[in-house]
N, C-alpha and C. Protein backbone atom coordinates (compact mmCIF):
# COMPACT_ATOMS: atom_id res chain seq x y z
N MET A 1 26.42 -35.66 6.84
CA MET A 1 26.65 -34.42 7.55
C MET A 1 26.67 -33.27 6.54
N LEU A 2 26.00 -32.18 6.90
CA LEU A 2 25.92 -31.03 6.00
C LEU A 2 27.17 -30.17 6.09
N LYS A 3 27.54 -29.63 4.97
CA LYS A 3 28.66 -28.70 4.91
C LYS A 3 28.18 -27.33 5.42
N PRO A 4 29.11 -26.48 5.88
CA PRO A 4 28.72 -25.15 6.37
C PRO A 4 27.94 -24.33 5.33
N THR A 5 28.30 -24.44 4.06
CA THR A 5 27.57 -23.68 3.03
C THR A 5 26.15 -24.21 2.86
N GLN A 6 25.97 -25.52 3.03
CA GLN A 6 24.63 -26.10 2.94
C GLN A 6 23.77 -25.67 4.12
N ILE A 7 24.36 -25.62 5.30
CA ILE A 7 23.63 -25.17 6.49
C ILE A 7 23.21 -23.71 6.31
N LEU A 8 24.13 -22.89 5.83
CA LEU A 8 23.84 -21.48 5.59
C LEU A 8 22.71 -21.33 4.56
N SER A 9 22.74 -22.14 3.51
CA SER A 9 21.69 -22.10 2.49
C SER A 9 20.33 -22.47 3.06
N VAL A 10 20.28 -23.49 3.90
CA VAL A 10 19.03 -23.92 4.51
C VAL A 10 18.50 -22.83 5.44
N LEU A 11 19.37 -22.23 6.25
CA LEU A 11 18.95 -21.16 7.15
C LEU A 11 18.43 -19.95 6.37
N LEU A 12 19.11 -19.60 5.29
CA LEU A 12 18.68 -18.48 4.46
C LEU A 12 17.32 -18.77 3.83
N LEU A 13 17.12 -19.98 3.35
CA LEU A 13 15.84 -20.37 2.76
C LEU A 13 14.72 -20.28 3.80
N LEU A 14 14.97 -20.76 5.01
CA LEU A 14 13.97 -20.68 6.07
C LEU A 14 13.64 -19.24 6.42
N LEU A 15 14.66 -18.41 6.47
CA LEU A 15 14.45 -17.00 6.77
C LEU A 15 13.61 -16.33 5.69
N LEU A 16 13.92 -16.58 4.44
CA LEU A 16 13.20 -15.94 3.33
C LEU A 16 11.76 -16.41 3.25
N THR A 17 11.51 -17.69 3.54
CA THR A 17 10.14 -18.19 3.44
C THR A 17 9.31 -17.78 4.64
N SER A 18 9.94 -17.45 5.77
CA SER A 18 9.18 -17.04 6.95
C SER A 18 8.82 -15.56 6.90
N CYS A 19 9.56 -14.75 6.16
CA CYS A 19 9.27 -13.32 6.07
C CYS A 19 7.97 -13.12 5.31
N GLY A 20 7.14 -12.24 5.82
CA GLY A 20 5.91 -11.92 5.13
C GLY A 20 4.80 -12.94 5.29
N TRP A 21 4.91 -13.84 6.25
CA TRP A 21 3.88 -14.86 6.41
C TRP A 21 2.55 -14.26 6.83
N ASN A 22 2.57 -13.06 7.41
CA ASN A 22 1.34 -12.38 7.79
C ASN A 22 0.70 -11.63 6.63
N THR A 23 1.41 -11.46 5.54
CA THR A 23 0.88 -10.70 4.41
C THR A 23 -0.17 -11.51 3.67
N TYR A 24 -1.36 -10.94 3.58
CA TYR A 24 -2.48 -11.58 2.89
C TYR A 24 -2.51 -11.13 1.42
N TYR A 25 -2.21 -9.85 1.20
CA TYR A 25 -2.22 -9.28 -0.15
C TYR A 25 -1.27 -8.10 -0.17
N HIS A 26 -0.52 -7.96 -1.26
CA HIS A 26 0.38 -6.83 -1.42
C HIS A 26 0.58 -6.57 -2.90
N GLU A 27 0.32 -5.36 -3.34
CA GLU A 27 0.54 -5.01 -4.75
C GLU A 27 0.86 -3.52 -4.84
N GLN A 28 1.79 -3.19 -5.71
CA GLN A 28 2.17 -1.81 -6.01
C GLN A 28 1.93 -1.55 -7.50
N ILE A 29 1.51 -0.35 -7.81
CA ILE A 29 1.35 0.07 -9.20
C ILE A 29 2.28 1.26 -9.43
N THR A 30 3.10 1.16 -10.47
CA THR A 30 4.01 2.24 -10.83
C THR A 30 3.30 3.20 -11.77
N LEU A 31 3.37 4.48 -11.43
CA LEU A 31 2.74 5.51 -12.25
C LEU A 31 3.76 6.03 -13.26
N GLU A 32 3.37 6.02 -14.51
CA GLU A 32 4.28 6.41 -15.59
C GLU A 32 4.75 7.85 -15.41
N ASP A 33 6.06 8.06 -15.49
CA ASP A 33 6.71 9.38 -15.36
C ASP A 33 6.39 10.07 -14.03
N SER A 34 6.04 9.29 -13.00
CA SER A 34 5.70 9.84 -11.67
C SER A 34 4.61 10.90 -11.78
N ARG A 35 3.61 10.62 -12.62
CA ARG A 35 2.47 11.52 -12.80
C ARG A 35 1.19 10.75 -12.52
N TRP A 36 0.35 11.36 -11.67
CA TRP A 36 -0.91 10.71 -11.32
C TRP A 36 -2.04 11.62 -11.76
N TYR A 37 -2.78 11.17 -12.74
CA TYR A 37 -3.88 11.94 -13.30
C TYR A 37 -5.12 11.76 -12.44
N LYS A 38 -5.82 12.85 -12.22
CA LYS A 38 -7.01 12.84 -11.36
C LYS A 38 -8.03 11.80 -11.81
N ALA A 39 -8.18 11.61 -13.10
CA ALA A 39 -9.17 10.66 -13.62
C ALA A 39 -8.70 9.20 -13.55
N SER A 40 -7.43 8.98 -13.21
CA SER A 40 -6.88 7.62 -13.16
C SER A 40 -6.93 7.08 -11.74
N ALA A 41 -7.52 5.92 -11.61
CA ALA A 41 -7.57 5.26 -10.31
C ALA A 41 -6.68 4.04 -10.33
N ALA A 42 -5.95 3.86 -9.24
CA ALA A 42 -5.21 2.61 -9.07
C ALA A 42 -6.22 1.56 -8.61
N ARG A 43 -6.25 0.43 -9.30
CA ARG A 43 -7.28 -0.58 -9.06
C ARG A 43 -6.62 -1.85 -8.53
N PHE A 44 -7.18 -2.36 -7.42
CA PHE A 44 -6.66 -3.57 -6.80
C PHE A 44 -7.82 -4.53 -6.56
N ASN A 45 -7.69 -5.74 -7.06
CA ASN A 45 -8.72 -6.77 -6.87
C ASN A 45 -8.20 -7.82 -5.91
N VAL A 46 -8.96 -8.04 -4.84
CA VAL A 46 -8.54 -8.95 -3.79
C VAL A 46 -9.61 -10.00 -3.57
N SER A 47 -9.23 -11.25 -3.71
CA SER A 47 -10.14 -12.36 -3.43
C SER A 47 -10.04 -12.70 -1.94
N VAL A 48 -11.14 -12.57 -1.24
CA VAL A 48 -11.16 -12.78 0.21
C VAL A 48 -11.98 -14.03 0.54
N GLN A 49 -11.35 -14.94 1.26
CA GLN A 49 -12.03 -16.14 1.74
C GLN A 49 -12.11 -16.18 3.26
N ASP A 50 -11.31 -15.34 3.93
CA ASP A 50 -11.22 -15.33 5.38
C ASP A 50 -12.07 -14.20 5.95
N THR A 51 -13.20 -14.55 6.56
CA THR A 51 -14.07 -13.55 7.19
C THR A 51 -14.01 -13.65 8.71
N ILE A 52 -13.09 -14.43 9.22
CA ILE A 52 -12.99 -14.64 10.67
C ILE A 52 -11.87 -13.83 11.29
N ASN A 53 -10.69 -13.86 10.69
CA ASN A 53 -9.52 -13.21 11.26
C ASN A 53 -9.49 -11.72 10.94
N PRO A 54 -8.97 -10.90 11.87
CA PRO A 54 -8.84 -9.46 11.61
C PRO A 54 -7.59 -9.16 10.79
N PHE A 55 -7.65 -8.08 10.01
CA PHE A 55 -6.57 -7.66 9.14
C PHE A 55 -6.27 -6.18 9.34
N ASP A 56 -5.03 -5.80 9.10
CA ASP A 56 -4.61 -4.39 9.06
C ASP A 56 -4.44 -4.02 7.59
N PHE A 57 -4.89 -2.84 7.23
CA PHE A 57 -4.91 -2.37 5.85
C PHE A 57 -3.97 -1.18 5.74
N TYR A 58 -2.98 -1.27 4.82
CA TYR A 58 -1.98 -0.23 4.61
C TYR A 58 -2.07 0.34 3.20
N ILE A 59 -1.77 1.62 3.09
CA ILE A 59 -1.56 2.25 1.79
C ILE A 59 -0.06 2.51 1.68
N ASN A 60 0.51 2.10 0.57
CA ASN A 60 1.94 2.33 0.30
C ASN A 60 2.07 3.44 -0.73
N ILE A 61 2.88 4.42 -0.40
CA ILE A 61 3.10 5.56 -1.28
C ILE A 61 4.60 5.73 -1.49
N ARG A 62 5.00 5.83 -2.74
CA ARG A 62 6.39 6.17 -3.06
C ARG A 62 6.35 7.52 -3.78
N ASN A 63 7.02 8.49 -3.17
CA ASN A 63 7.07 9.82 -3.78
C ASN A 63 8.52 10.20 -4.06
N THR A 64 8.68 11.11 -5.02
CA THR A 64 10.00 11.65 -5.31
C THR A 64 10.19 12.89 -4.43
N THR A 65 11.43 13.28 -4.25
CA THR A 65 11.70 14.48 -3.45
C THR A 65 11.36 15.76 -4.22
N THR A 66 10.93 15.62 -5.46
CA THR A 66 10.46 16.78 -6.22
C THR A 66 8.96 17.00 -6.05
N TYR A 67 8.28 16.11 -5.31
CA TYR A 67 6.86 16.30 -5.02
C TYR A 67 6.71 17.63 -4.27
N ARG A 68 5.80 18.47 -4.70
CA ARG A 68 5.78 19.85 -4.21
C ARG A 68 4.95 20.07 -2.96
N TYR A 69 4.30 19.03 -2.45
CA TYR A 69 3.48 19.18 -1.25
C TYR A 69 4.03 18.32 -0.12
N SER A 70 3.59 18.64 1.10
CA SER A 70 3.98 17.82 2.25
C SER A 70 2.92 16.79 2.58
N ASN A 71 1.78 16.85 1.90
CA ASN A 71 0.70 15.91 2.17
C ASN A 71 0.13 15.37 0.86
N LEU A 72 -0.76 14.39 1.00
CA LEU A 72 -1.42 13.79 -0.16
C LEU A 72 -2.81 13.36 0.28
N TYR A 73 -3.83 13.86 -0.40
CA TYR A 73 -5.20 13.43 -0.15
C TYR A 73 -5.56 12.34 -1.17
N LEU A 74 -6.24 11.30 -0.67
CA LEU A 74 -6.67 10.21 -1.53
C LEU A 74 -8.15 9.91 -1.30
N PHE A 75 -8.83 9.51 -2.39
CA PHE A 75 -10.14 8.90 -2.29
C PHE A 75 -9.94 7.40 -2.37
N ILE A 76 -10.46 6.67 -1.39
CA ILE A 76 -10.36 5.22 -1.38
C ILE A 76 -11.77 4.65 -1.45
N SER A 77 -12.06 3.96 -2.54
CA SER A 77 -13.37 3.33 -2.72
C SER A 77 -13.23 1.83 -2.62
N THR A 78 -14.18 1.22 -1.95
CA THR A 78 -14.21 -0.24 -1.81
C THR A 78 -15.52 -0.76 -2.38
N ARG A 79 -15.41 -1.66 -3.36
CA ARG A 79 -16.60 -2.33 -3.89
C ARG A 79 -16.62 -3.73 -3.30
N PHE A 80 -17.68 -4.02 -2.56
CA PHE A 80 -17.83 -5.31 -1.88
C PHE A 80 -18.36 -6.35 -2.86
N PRO A 81 -18.21 -7.63 -2.54
CA PRO A 81 -18.71 -8.69 -3.43
C PRO A 81 -20.20 -8.59 -3.73
N ASN A 82 -20.99 -8.01 -2.82
CA ASN A 82 -22.43 -7.88 -3.04
C ASN A 82 -22.80 -6.63 -3.83
N GLY A 83 -21.79 -5.85 -4.26
CA GLY A 83 -22.04 -4.65 -5.07
C GLY A 83 -22.07 -3.35 -4.29
N ASN A 84 -22.16 -3.41 -2.97
CA ASN A 84 -22.13 -2.19 -2.17
C ASN A 84 -20.79 -1.50 -2.31
N VAL A 85 -20.81 -0.16 -2.19
CA VAL A 85 -19.59 0.62 -2.33
C VAL A 85 -19.46 1.57 -1.13
N SER A 86 -18.25 1.66 -0.59
CA SER A 86 -17.97 2.67 0.43
C SER A 86 -16.83 3.54 -0.09
N ARG A 87 -16.80 4.79 0.37
CA ARG A 87 -15.76 5.72 -0.10
C ARG A 87 -15.27 6.55 1.07
N ASP A 88 -13.96 6.66 1.19
CA ASP A 88 -13.33 7.45 2.24
C ASP A 88 -12.35 8.43 1.62
N THR A 89 -12.16 9.54 2.31
CA THR A 89 -11.11 10.48 1.95
C THR A 89 -10.07 10.44 3.06
N VAL A 90 -8.82 10.26 2.68
CA VAL A 90 -7.75 10.11 3.66
C VAL A 90 -6.62 11.08 3.30
N GLU A 91 -6.05 11.70 4.33
CA GLU A 91 -4.88 12.56 4.14
C GLU A 91 -3.65 11.86 4.67
N PHE A 92 -2.57 11.90 3.90
CA PHE A 92 -1.29 11.35 4.31
C PHE A 92 -0.29 12.49 4.41
N ILE A 93 0.44 12.52 5.51
CA ILE A 93 1.48 13.53 5.71
C ILE A 93 2.80 12.89 5.27
N LEU A 94 3.44 13.47 4.27
CA LEU A 94 4.66 12.91 3.69
C LEU A 94 5.93 13.64 4.13
N ALA A 95 5.78 14.86 4.69
CA ALA A 95 6.95 15.62 5.13
C ALA A 95 6.55 16.46 6.34
N ASP A 96 7.54 16.79 7.17
CA ASP A 96 7.25 17.63 8.34
C ASP A 96 7.20 19.10 7.92
N GLU A 97 6.97 19.98 8.90
CA GLU A 97 6.81 21.41 8.61
C GLU A 97 8.05 22.05 8.01
N SER A 98 9.22 21.48 8.30
CA SER A 98 10.46 22.04 7.75
C SER A 98 10.78 21.49 6.36
N GLY A 99 9.97 20.54 5.88
CA GLY A 99 10.20 19.97 4.55
C GLY A 99 10.97 18.67 4.57
N LYS A 100 11.30 18.14 5.75
CA LYS A 100 12.02 16.86 5.85
C LYS A 100 11.05 15.72 5.55
N TRP A 101 11.43 14.90 4.58
CA TRP A 101 10.57 13.81 4.13
C TRP A 101 10.49 12.70 5.16
N TYR A 102 9.29 12.17 5.34
CA TYR A 102 9.09 10.96 6.13
C TYR A 102 9.33 9.76 5.21
N GLY A 103 9.35 8.59 5.78
CA GLY A 103 9.48 7.39 4.98
C GLY A 103 10.93 6.93 4.88
N LYS A 104 11.07 5.82 4.19
CA LYS A 104 12.38 5.20 4.01
C LYS A 104 12.85 5.43 2.59
N GLY A 105 14.15 5.35 2.42
CA GLY A 105 14.70 5.45 1.08
C GLY A 105 15.87 6.41 1.01
N TRP A 106 16.68 6.19 0.00
CA TRP A 106 17.83 7.03 -0.25
C TRP A 106 17.60 7.78 -1.55
N GLY A 107 18.30 8.87 -1.68
CA GLY A 107 18.22 9.60 -2.93
C GLY A 107 16.88 10.29 -3.10
N LYS A 108 16.34 10.19 -4.29
CA LYS A 108 15.16 10.97 -4.65
C LYS A 108 13.83 10.26 -4.42
N LEU A 109 13.84 9.03 -3.88
CA LEU A 109 12.60 8.30 -3.64
C LEU A 109 12.40 8.04 -2.16
N LYS A 110 11.15 8.23 -1.70
CA LYS A 110 10.78 7.96 -0.30
C LYS A 110 9.58 7.03 -0.29
N ASP A 111 9.67 5.98 0.51
CA ASP A 111 8.60 4.99 0.65
C ASP A 111 7.90 5.17 1.99
N ASN A 112 6.58 5.27 1.94
CA ASN A 112 5.76 5.35 3.14
C ASN A 112 4.73 4.24 3.10
N SER A 113 4.57 3.57 4.22
CA SER A 113 3.52 2.57 4.38
C SER A 113 2.71 3.01 5.58
N VAL A 114 1.46 3.41 5.34
CA VAL A 114 0.63 4.00 6.37
C VAL A 114 -0.58 3.10 6.62
N ARG A 115 -0.75 2.72 7.89
CA ARG A 115 -1.91 1.89 8.24
C ARG A 115 -3.14 2.78 8.28
N VAL A 116 -4.17 2.40 7.51
CA VAL A 116 -5.40 3.18 7.48
C VAL A 116 -6.55 2.48 8.21
N ASN A 117 -6.44 1.18 8.40
CA ASN A 117 -7.43 0.42 9.19
C ASN A 117 -6.71 -0.64 9.98
N GLU A 118 -7.15 -0.82 11.21
CA GLU A 118 -6.54 -1.80 12.09
C GLU A 118 -7.61 -2.80 12.53
N SER A 119 -7.25 -4.07 12.55
CA SER A 119 -8.13 -5.15 13.00
C SER A 119 -9.48 -5.13 12.29
N LEU A 120 -9.41 -4.99 10.99
CA LEU A 120 -10.60 -4.98 10.13
C LEU A 120 -10.97 -6.41 9.76
N GLN A 121 -12.25 -6.76 9.86
CA GLN A 121 -12.71 -8.07 9.41
C GLN A 121 -13.54 -7.88 8.15
N PHE A 122 -13.27 -8.71 7.15
CA PHE A 122 -14.07 -8.66 5.93
C PHE A 122 -15.44 -9.26 6.24
N PRO A 123 -16.53 -8.58 5.88
CA PRO A 123 -17.86 -9.06 6.26
C PRO A 123 -18.36 -10.26 5.45
N ILE A 124 -17.94 -10.34 4.18
CA ILE A 124 -18.39 -11.45 3.34
C ILE A 124 -17.25 -11.95 2.46
N LYS A 125 -17.33 -13.20 2.07
CA LYS A 125 -16.33 -13.78 1.18
C LYS A 125 -16.60 -13.30 -0.24
N GLY A 126 -15.53 -13.27 -1.04
CA GLY A 126 -15.69 -12.92 -2.44
C GLY A 126 -14.62 -11.95 -2.90
N ASN A 127 -14.86 -11.34 -4.06
CA ASN A 127 -13.90 -10.42 -4.67
C ASN A 127 -14.20 -8.98 -4.28
N TYR A 128 -13.20 -8.35 -3.70
CA TYR A 128 -13.27 -6.94 -3.32
C TYR A 128 -12.44 -6.14 -4.32
N GLU A 129 -12.93 -4.97 -4.67
CA GLU A 129 -12.18 -4.07 -5.54
C GLU A 129 -11.90 -2.78 -4.78
N PHE A 130 -10.62 -2.42 -4.71
CA PHE A 130 -10.20 -1.19 -4.06
C PHE A 130 -9.72 -0.23 -5.14
N LEU A 131 -10.29 0.97 -5.17
CA LEU A 131 -9.88 2.01 -6.11
C LEU A 131 -9.28 3.15 -5.31
N ILE A 132 -8.10 3.60 -5.73
CA ILE A 132 -7.45 4.72 -5.05
C ILE A 132 -7.19 5.81 -6.08
N GLN A 133 -7.71 7.02 -5.80
CA GLN A 133 -7.53 8.17 -6.68
C GLN A 133 -6.88 9.29 -5.89
N GLN A 134 -6.04 10.05 -6.55
CA GLN A 134 -5.49 11.24 -5.89
C GLN A 134 -6.61 12.27 -5.80
N ALA A 135 -6.66 12.97 -4.68
CA ALA A 135 -7.73 13.94 -4.43
C ALA A 135 -7.17 15.34 -4.21
N MET A 136 -6.04 15.62 -4.83
CA MET A 136 -5.44 16.95 -4.71
C MET A 136 -6.12 17.87 -5.73
N ARG A 137 -5.82 19.12 -5.66
CA ARG A 137 -6.48 20.10 -6.54
C ARG A 137 -5.73 20.32 -7.83
N GLU A 138 -5.11 19.28 -8.32
CA GLU A 138 -4.40 19.33 -9.60
C GLU A 138 -4.87 18.18 -10.47
N ASP A 139 -5.05 18.45 -11.75
CA ASP A 139 -5.44 17.38 -12.67
C ASP A 139 -4.31 16.38 -12.87
N THR A 140 -3.07 16.86 -12.88
CA THR A 140 -1.90 15.99 -13.01
C THR A 140 -0.99 16.24 -11.83
N LEU A 141 -0.92 15.27 -10.96
CA LEU A 141 -0.09 15.37 -9.76
C LEU A 141 1.28 14.79 -10.06
N LYS A 142 2.32 15.61 -9.95
CA LYS A 142 3.68 15.17 -10.27
C LYS A 142 4.42 14.80 -8.99
N GLY A 143 5.21 13.73 -9.06
CA GLY A 143 6.07 13.36 -7.95
C GLY A 143 5.62 12.16 -7.15
N ILE A 144 4.50 11.55 -7.51
CA ILE A 144 4.08 10.29 -6.88
C ILE A 144 4.41 9.20 -7.90
N SER A 145 5.32 8.30 -7.54
CA SER A 145 5.78 7.31 -8.52
C SER A 145 5.10 5.96 -8.39
N ASP A 146 4.63 5.60 -7.18
CA ASP A 146 3.99 4.30 -6.97
C ASP A 146 2.91 4.44 -5.91
N ILE A 147 1.88 3.64 -6.08
CA ILE A 147 0.81 3.56 -5.08
C ILE A 147 0.47 2.09 -4.91
N GLY A 148 0.20 1.68 -3.69
CA GLY A 148 -0.10 0.27 -3.47
C GLY A 148 -0.89 0.05 -2.20
N ILE A 149 -1.32 -1.18 -2.03
CA ILE A 149 -1.98 -1.57 -0.80
C ILE A 149 -1.33 -2.84 -0.27
N LYS A 150 -1.43 -2.98 1.04
CA LYS A 150 -0.95 -4.19 1.69
C LYS A 150 -1.96 -4.54 2.76
N ILE A 151 -2.37 -5.79 2.79
CA ILE A 151 -3.29 -6.30 3.79
C ILE A 151 -2.57 -7.39 4.54
N VAL A 152 -2.46 -7.23 5.86
CA VAL A 152 -1.75 -8.21 6.68
C VAL A 152 -2.65 -8.69 7.81
N ARG A 153 -2.43 -9.92 8.24
CA ARG A 153 -3.17 -10.45 9.37
C ARG A 153 -2.77 -9.68 10.63
N SER A 154 -3.75 -9.24 11.40
CA SER A 154 -3.47 -8.52 12.65
C SER A 154 -2.81 -9.48 13.64
N GLU A 155 -1.95 -8.92 14.45
CA GLU A 155 -1.27 -9.74 15.47
C GLU A 155 -1.93 -9.59 16.80
């Protein structure tokens, strides 16, 4: 017979291993001193073997409350396994008109996870490279501390 602490441990283990089961890929890159240089791209390499199931694609942004804009423009480039490249420009709204920050977090950091594609199917198997660059009109963008992507299986 299991002791109550053993039962609690087993339940906690089951809970922790079940969380994130839909996540196919997730990575964050921390930008040094919360500065994002226009020439610097965040690079993510994803090995894709599943071309049947649909996926949702998220961009994760962590900004400081000292970020001087309410939005963020990004260039998102995708290099497919066959060498083809696609490029999109996306705008993210990080604060409302009154300056109230969106996202989660306490203190000086706010986390936003924004879905940019829903029910996307990868056309071919292989290695995909995602490059994300800031597309604001500043060479050095201050106040963005982390950038990341998350790919989850669509429900």
